[in-house]
Protein backbone atom coordinates (compact mmCIF):
# COMPACT_ATOMS: atom_id res chain seq x y z
CA MET A 1 -106.66 -51.14 -13.31
CA ARG A 2 -102.96 -50.77 -12.56
CA ARG A 3 -100.44 -51.60 -15.24
CA ARG A 4 -98.46 -54.73 -14.49
CA ALA A 5 -94.72 -54.81 -13.88
CA PHE A 6 -93.07 -57.64 -15.80
CA ILE A 7 -89.67 -59.25 -15.79
CA ILE A 8 -88.02 -58.76 -19.15
CA GLY A 9 -86.96 -62.03 -20.70
CA ALA A 10 -86.80 -63.87 -23.97
CA ALA A 11 -89.79 -63.67 -26.27
CA ALA A 12 -90.66 -66.49 -28.63
CA THR A 13 -90.45 -65.12 -32.17
CA ILE A 14 -92.94 -66.28 -34.78
CA ALA A 15 -92.00 -65.14 -38.28
CA PRO A 16 -95.33 -63.93 -39.69
CA SER A 17 -97.00 -64.17 -43.03
CA VAL A 18 -100.32 -62.55 -43.85
CA ASP A 19 -103.53 -64.25 -44.98
CA ALA A 20 -105.82 -61.24 -45.21
CA ALA A 21 -108.71 -62.68 -47.21
CA PRO A 22 -111.82 -63.83 -45.27
CA ILE A 23 -111.98 -67.58 -44.73
CA GLU A 24 -115.24 -69.50 -44.65
CA GLY A 25 -115.91 -72.93 -43.18
CA ALA A 26 -113.34 -72.97 -40.36
CA ILE A 27 -113.90 -75.87 -37.95
CA ALA A 28 -112.84 -75.82 -34.28
CA THR A 29 -110.92 -78.87 -33.09
CA SER A 30 -110.41 -77.52 -29.55
CA GLY A 31 -110.75 -74.19 -27.78
CA ASP A 32 -107.56 -72.83 -29.35
CA ARG A 33 -107.21 -74.78 -32.61
CA PHE A 34 -109.16 -74.94 -35.85
CA THR A 35 -108.88 -76.15 -39.42
CA ALA A 36 -109.60 -74.12 -42.55
CA ASN A 37 -109.01 -74.96 -46.21
CA GLY A 38 -107.19 -78.14 -45.24
CA GLN A 39 -104.75 -76.36 -42.92
CA GLU A 40 -104.61 -76.64 -39.12
CA TYR A 41 -104.13 -73.42 -37.12
CA HIS A 42 -103.16 -72.88 -33.49
CA LEU A 43 -104.01 -69.57 -31.80
CA ALA A 44 -100.84 -68.07 -30.32
CA ASP A 45 -100.57 -66.68 -26.77
CA ILE A 46 -103.49 -68.61 -25.29
CA LEU A 47 -104.06 -72.11 -23.96
CA ALA A 48 -107.47 -73.76 -23.90
CA PRO A 49 -108.19 -77.01 -22.06
CA SER A 50 -106.77 -79.99 -23.92
CA ALA A 51 -108.18 -83.35 -24.93
CA TYR A 52 -104.73 -84.87 -24.37
CA ALA A 53 -103.78 -84.39 -20.73
CA LEU A 54 -100.82 -86.35 -19.34
CA ALA A 55 -103.16 -88.31 -17.10
CA GLY A 56 -105.02 -89.50 -20.18
CA ASP A 57 -108.27 -87.70 -19.42
CA VAL A 58 -109.79 -84.73 -21.22
CA GLU A 59 -109.06 -81.60 -19.19
CA PRO A 60 -112.01 -79.93 -17.46
CA TYR A 61 -113.90 -77.42 -19.62
CA PHE A 62 -112.55 -78.84 -22.90
CA ASP A 63 -115.98 -79.27 -24.49
CA GLU A 64 -117.19 -75.84 -23.37
CA ALA A 65 -114.06 -74.11 -24.68
CA LYS A 66 -114.36 -75.88 -28.03
CA ARG A 67 -118.01 -74.80 -28.29
CA ALA A 68 -116.98 -71.21 -27.53
CA LEU A 69 -114.59 -71.20 -30.49
CA GLU A 70 -117.16 -72.97 -32.67
CA HIS A 71 -119.69 -70.24 -31.87
CA LEU A 72 -117.25 -67.46 -32.75
CA LEU A 73 -116.26 -69.11 -36.02
CA ALA A 74 -119.88 -69.71 -37.00
CA ASN A 75 -121.06 -66.14 -36.59
CA ALA A 76 -118.68 -64.19 -38.85
CA SER A 77 -116.09 -64.63 -41.56
CA LEU A 78 -112.64 -65.44 -40.24
CA THR A 79 -109.67 -63.28 -41.23
CA ILE A 80 -106.17 -64.51 -40.39
CA LYS A 81 -103.23 -62.15 -40.12
CA ASP A 82 -99.68 -62.81 -38.96
CA ALA A 83 -99.60 -66.59 -39.18
CA GLY A 84 -96.27 -68.36 -38.83
CA ALA A 85 -95.00 -71.12 -41.06
CA ALA A 86 -96.27 -74.64 -40.42
CA THR A 87 -94.60 -76.41 -37.51
CA ARG A 88 -93.20 -79.92 -37.79
CA TRP A 89 -96.62 -81.15 -36.62
CA GLY A 90 -98.30 -79.33 -39.52
CA ALA A 91 -100.11 -76.56 -37.64
CA ARG A 92 -99.55 -72.85 -38.28
CA MET A 93 -99.30 -70.57 -35.26
CA VAL A 94 -101.67 -67.61 -35.61
CA ILE A 95 -100.75 -64.36 -33.88
CA ALA A 96 -103.87 -62.49 -34.97
CA ALA A 97 -107.18 -63.95 -36.14
CA ARG A 98 -110.42 -61.98 -36.13
CA VAL A 99 -114.09 -62.66 -36.71
CA GLY A 100 -116.10 -59.60 -37.61
CA ASP A 101 -114.52 -56.84 -35.52
CA ALA A 102 -111.29 -55.46 -34.10
CA GLN A 103 -110.90 -57.95 -31.25
CA THR A 104 -108.86 -61.06 -31.92
CA LEU A 105 -110.20 -64.55 -31.38
CA GLN A 106 -107.67 -64.89 -28.58
CA HIS A 107 -109.05 -61.85 -26.78
CA LYS A 108 -112.64 -63.05 -27.12
CA LEU A 109 -111.82 -66.53 -25.82
CA VAL A 110 -109.84 -65.22 -22.84
CA ALA A 111 -112.61 -62.75 -21.99
CA LEU A 112 -115.13 -65.60 -22.03
CA GLY A 113 -113.01 -67.68 -19.67
CA ALA A 114 -112.51 -70.30 -22.38
CA ALA A 115 -108.71 -70.02 -22.38
CA ARG A 116 -105.78 -68.76 -20.31
CA VAL A 117 -102.92 -66.57 -21.47
CA ALA A 118 -99.82 -68.57 -22.46
CA PRO A 119 -97.32 -66.06 -23.92
CA GLN A 120 -95.56 -67.20 -27.10
CA SER A 121 -95.32 -64.40 -29.64
CA ASP A 122 -93.27 -61.23 -29.49
CA ASN A 123 -96.33 -58.96 -29.68
CA LEU A 124 -96.05 -57.77 -26.08
CA GLU A 125 -98.74 -55.11 -26.36
CA ARG A 126 -101.31 -57.68 -27.47
CA ILE A 127 -100.27 -60.09 -24.72
CA GLU A 128 -100.71 -57.29 -22.19
CA GLN A 129 -104.26 -56.80 -23.46
CA LEU A 130 -104.90 -60.52 -23.11
CA LEU A 131 -103.64 -60.50 -19.53
CA THR A 132 -105.94 -57.60 -18.68
CA ALA A 133 -108.87 -59.53 -20.17
CA GLU A 134 -107.83 -62.60 -18.18
CA ASP A 135 -107.76 -60.59 -14.95
CA ALA A 136 -111.35 -59.49 -15.53
CA SER A 137 -112.54 -62.96 -16.52
CA ARG A 138 -110.90 -64.54 -13.48
CA ALA A 139 -112.33 -61.92 -11.11
CA ALA A 140 -115.81 -62.66 -12.49
CA ARG A 141 -115.21 -66.44 -12.26
CA LYS A 142 -116.17 -66.87 -15.90
CA GLY A 143 -115.82 -70.18 -17.67
CA LEU A 144 -112.89 -72.29 -16.54
CA TRP A 145 -112.08 -69.84 -13.72
CA ALA A 146 -115.06 -71.19 -11.80
CA LEU A 147 -113.41 -74.61 -11.62
CA PRO A 148 -110.93 -75.71 -8.91
CA ALA A 149 -108.61 -77.17 -11.56
CA TYR A 150 -107.71 -73.70 -12.85
CA GLN A 151 -107.40 -71.67 -9.67
CA ILE A 152 -104.14 -69.83 -8.98
CA ILE A 153 -101.91 -72.07 -6.87
CA ASP A 154 -99.93 -70.93 -3.85
CA ALA A 155 -96.22 -71.58 -4.33
CA ASN A 156 -96.18 -73.58 -1.09
CA LYS A 157 -98.63 -76.04 -2.66
CA ALA A 158 -97.17 -76.15 -6.17
CA GLY A 159 -96.37 -79.86 -5.90
CA ARG A 160 -99.96 -80.64 -6.82
CA ALA A 161 -99.54 -78.66 -10.04
CA VAL A 162 -96.84 -80.89 -11.58
CA GLY A 163 -97.78 -82.10 -15.04
CA GLY A 164 -99.94 -79.17 -16.12
CA PHE A 165 -99.98 -75.52 -17.10
CA HIS A 166 -100.72 -73.37 -14.06
CA LEU A 167 -100.49 -69.92 -12.52
CA VAL A 168 -98.42 -70.00 -9.33
CA GLU A 169 -98.08 -67.14 -6.83
CA GLY A 170 -95.69 -66.67 -3.95
CA LYS A 171 -92.98 -64.66 -2.24
CA VAL A 172 -89.41 -65.10 -3.44
CA ARG A 173 -87.11 -66.46 -0.73
CA SER A 174 -83.82 -66.40 -2.62
CA ILE A 175 -82.26 -66.15 -6.06
CA ALA A 176 -79.21 -68.17 -7.06
CA LYS A 177 -77.07 -69.03 -10.08
CA VAL A 178 -76.21 -72.71 -10.48
CA LYS A 179 -74.00 -73.51 -13.46
CA SER A 180 -75.78 -72.05 -16.51
CA ARG A 181 -79.19 -71.34 -14.93
CA PHE A 182 -80.60 -68.73 -12.59
CA TYR A 183 -83.15 -69.92 -10.05
CA ILE A 184 -85.91 -68.00 -8.31
CA ASN A 185 -86.63 -69.98 -5.14
CA PHE A 186 -89.95 -69.73 -3.35
CA GLY A 187 -88.90 -71.87 -0.38
CA THR A 188 -85.87 -72.75 1.70
CA ASP A 189 -85.35 -76.25 0.25
CA TYR A 190 -84.69 -76.22 -3.50
CA LYS A 191 -85.13 -80.00 -3.63
CA THR A 192 -88.79 -79.84 -2.66
CA ASP A 193 -90.00 -76.23 -2.95
CA PHE A 194 -91.27 -74.39 -6.02
CA THR A 195 -88.73 -72.69 -8.28
CA ALA A 196 -88.73 -70.79 -11.57
CA SER A 197 -85.57 -70.80 -13.65
CA ALA A 198 -84.09 -68.97 -16.61
CA GLY A 199 -81.15 -69.95 -18.78
CA SER A 200 -78.01 -67.86 -18.79
CA ARG A 201 -78.76 -66.32 -22.18
CA VAL A 202 -82.20 -65.21 -21.02
CA TYR A 203 -80.78 -63.84 -17.80
CA HIS A 204 -78.13 -61.79 -19.58
CA LYS A 205 -80.76 -60.39 -21.93
CA TRP A 206 -82.72 -59.22 -18.89
CA ALA A 207 -79.58 -57.68 -17.44
CA SER A 208 -78.76 -55.89 -20.70
CA GLN A 209 -82.21 -54.29 -20.57
CA GLY A 210 -81.59 -52.98 -17.08
CA PHE A 211 -83.22 -55.67 -14.97
CA ASP A 212 -81.25 -57.65 -12.38
CA LEU A 213 -82.82 -60.89 -11.15
CA ALA A 214 -81.23 -60.32 -7.76
CA SER A 215 -83.52 -57.33 -7.25
CA LEU A 216 -86.51 -59.71 -7.02
CA ASP A 217 -85.36 -61.13 -3.70
CA THR A 218 -88.42 -61.09 -1.35
CA ALA A 219 -90.76 -59.84 -4.14
CA ARG A 220 -94.19 -61.40 -4.63
CA LEU A 221 -94.58 -62.89 -8.11
CA ARG A 222 -97.12 -64.67 -10.27
CA ILE A 223 -95.54 -67.17 -12.64
CA ARG A 224 -97.34 -69.08 -15.39
CA GLY A 225 -96.17 -72.07 -17.33
CA PHE A 226 -95.92 -75.85 -17.45
CA VAL A 227 -94.97 -77.20 -14.04
CA GLU A 228 -92.33 -79.94 -14.14
CA ALA A 229 -90.85 -82.06 -11.35
CA ILE A 230 -87.19 -80.99 -11.31
CA SER A 231 -85.91 -81.09 -7.72
CA GLY A 232 -89.41 -80.04 -6.70
CA PRO A 233 -92.05 -78.30 -8.84
CA SER A 234 -90.48 -75.95 -11.36
CA ILE A 235 -91.37 -73.68 -14.29
CA ALA A 236 -88.86 -72.81 -17.03
CA LEU A 237 -88.96 -69.14 -18.04
CA THR A 238 -88.65 -68.46 -21.77
CA HIS A 239 -90.94 -65.44 -22.24
CA ARG A 240 -91.00 -62.13 -20.44
CA ARG A 241 -94.76 -62.22 -19.87
CA GLN A 242 -94.62 -65.47 -17.94
CA VAL A 243 -93.74 -63.50 -14.84
CA GLU A 244 -95.76 -60.75 -13.17
CA LEU A 245 -94.35 -58.63 -10.38
CA LEU A 246 -97.23 -58.28 -7.95
CA ALA A 247 -95.45 -56.47 -5.11
CA ARG A 248 -92.05 -55.63 -3.77
CA SER A 249 -91.19 -56.01 -0.11
CA PRO A 250 -89.75 -52.89 1.52
C-alpha cells in the first residue's frame, strides 16, 4: 500500500502521564470511552458513533461499537500509557491503551470498523498506522463502513454532511487568503460550496516546514473533520492528519 502524502499542519498536543500497571474492571460507555477505577477515559485519535448526535438520535452503529470495546476490555487486562490530564469534563485523553498485546485499543477498534480515525495527538506515526488500518477496514466494508451514514462524501454533495464528522473528497478549485484564514475551495461559489480552512498560525507553520498551500491548487484531497455550515459546508483544519493528498493534477 502506498504511503500517504499529508499536509503539514498543527498537531493537538496532549501532555502525557503514564499509568503502566494493569487495570481490571474497565467498563465501556461507548465505542471510544470507558471508565476504570472511578475515572473516565477517552481514546485519542479515533471517533466511535455517539449516543449524543445533534439531531438527538443515537448515531448508527453505536451499540455495536460499544460492544466491540466491551469485548476487548473483557478479554485481557487493560494497560494505559500516555494519558493526558483530566479535561474540564473530567475525562482523561488516552494516547495509548492496550489489552494483552502490542496493538492499541484504537488500532483494534479501527480495524474492526467500530471507529474512524479522528487525529488529535501529536503521535503522527501511530496515527499513520491507524489510517492504514482504516483504509483496510473501509475497503472490506467492515462494521460502520457498510452503512450509508459513514460513506466518504463527494465534496459536491457535502451540504448533506453538515452537523457531523465526515470524510469528504474532492478536487481543489482555488485557494485564497481572507483576513486571518486560508481557504481551500472545492467549488466556484464559496457561499455554497465545500471549503476547508486553516488559521494564519497553522498556515505559517506549514510554510515554515516547506509546504505552501497554494501548491494544492487543482489537487485531489480527502479531508476529515466536523462539517459546519459557514458560508456553505466547511471543515476547520487543526491537525496535519486531517488532510490526505490523494493526487496532484499535472
